C-alpha atoms as a PDB file:
ATOM      1  CA  MET A   1     102.052   3.042  48.433  1.00  0.00           C
ATOM      2  CA  TYR A   2     101.745   6.748  49.101  1.00  0.00           C
ATOM      3  CA  GLY A   3      98.521   8.114  50.491  1.00  0.00           C
ATOM      4  CA  PRO A   4      96.617   9.216  53.584  1.00  0.00           C
ATOM      5  CA  LEU A   5      97.884   6.149  55.477  1.00  0.00           C
ATOM      6  CA  ASP A   6     101.494   7.148  54.817  1.00  0.00           C
ATOM      7  CA  PRO A   7     101.948  10.709  56.132  1.00  0.00           C
ATOM      8  CA  LEU A   8     105.743  10.527  55.796  1.00  0.00           C
ATOM      9  CA  GLY A   9     105.511   9.560  52.143  1.00  0.00           C
ATOM     10  CA  THR A  10     103.073  12.401  51.500  1.00  0.00           C
ATOM     11  CA  ILE A  11     105.347  14.887  53.277  1.00  0.00           C
ATOM     12  CA  GLU A  12     108.276  13.638  51.198  1.00  0.00           C
ATOM     13  CA  ILE A  13     106.336  14.245  47.978  1.00  0.00           C
ATOM     14  CA  LEU A  14     105.288  17.715  49.126  1.00  0.00           C
ATOM     15  CA  MET A  15     108.867  18.575  50.063  1.00  0.00           C
ATOM     16  CA  SER A  16     110.254  17.464  46.702  1.00  0.00           C
ATOM     17  CA  ASN A  17     107.507  19.381  44.873  1.00  0.00           C
ATOM     18  CA  GLU A  18     108.426  22.457  46.936  1.00  0.00           C
ATOM     19  CA  MET A  19     112.103  22.042  46.023  1.00  0.00           C
ATOM     20  CA  ILE A  20     111.230  21.726  42.339  1.00  0.00           C
ATOM     21  CA  HIS A  21     109.050  24.840  42.604  1.00  0.00           C
ATOM     22  CA  ILE A  22     111.826  26.827  44.312  1.00  0.00           C
ATOM     23  CA  LYS A  23     114.419  25.721  41.747  1.00  0.00           C
ATOM     24  CA  GLY A  24     112.017  26.602  38.940  1.00  0.00           C
ATOM     25  CA  SER A  25     111.430  30.058  40.409  1.00  0.00           C
ATOM     26  CA  LEU A  26     115.170  30.674  40.728  1.00  0.00           C
ATOM     27  CA  LEU A  27     115.733  29.573  37.146  1.00  0.00           C
ATOM     28  CA  TYR A  28     112.880  31.800  35.958  1.00  0.00           C
ATOM     29  CA  SER A  29     114.159  34.889  37.764  1.00  0.00           C
ATOM     30  CA  GLU A  30     117.682  34.264  36.458  1.00  0.00           C
ATOM     31  CA  LEU A  31     116.286  34.054  32.946  1.00  0.00           C
ATOM     32  CA  LEU A  32     114.282  37.229  33.523  1.00  0.00           C
ATOM     33  CA  PHE A  33     117.364  39.088  34.780  1.00  0.00           C
ATOM     34  CA  PHE A  34     119.345  37.835  31.772  1.00  0.00           C
ATOM     35  CA  ILE A  35     116.697  39.105  29.347  1.00  0.00           C
ATOM     36  CA  LEU A  36     116.353  42.458  31.116  1.00  0.00           C
ATOM     37  CA  ASP A  37     120.130  42.804  31.211  1.00  0.00           C
ATOM     38  CA  ARG A  38     120.388  42.489  27.441  1.00  0.00           C
ATOM     39  CA  TYR A  39     118.074  45.418  26.749  1.00  0.00           C
END
């Protein structure tokens, strides 16, 4: 069970969310550069 009683589990979830966010941002900026490059 993840929750306030499991700080490590919560940190793990936050870390993975952060990684997903960073990967998403990288993908988005790559897409943006690709679109800008075509014009």
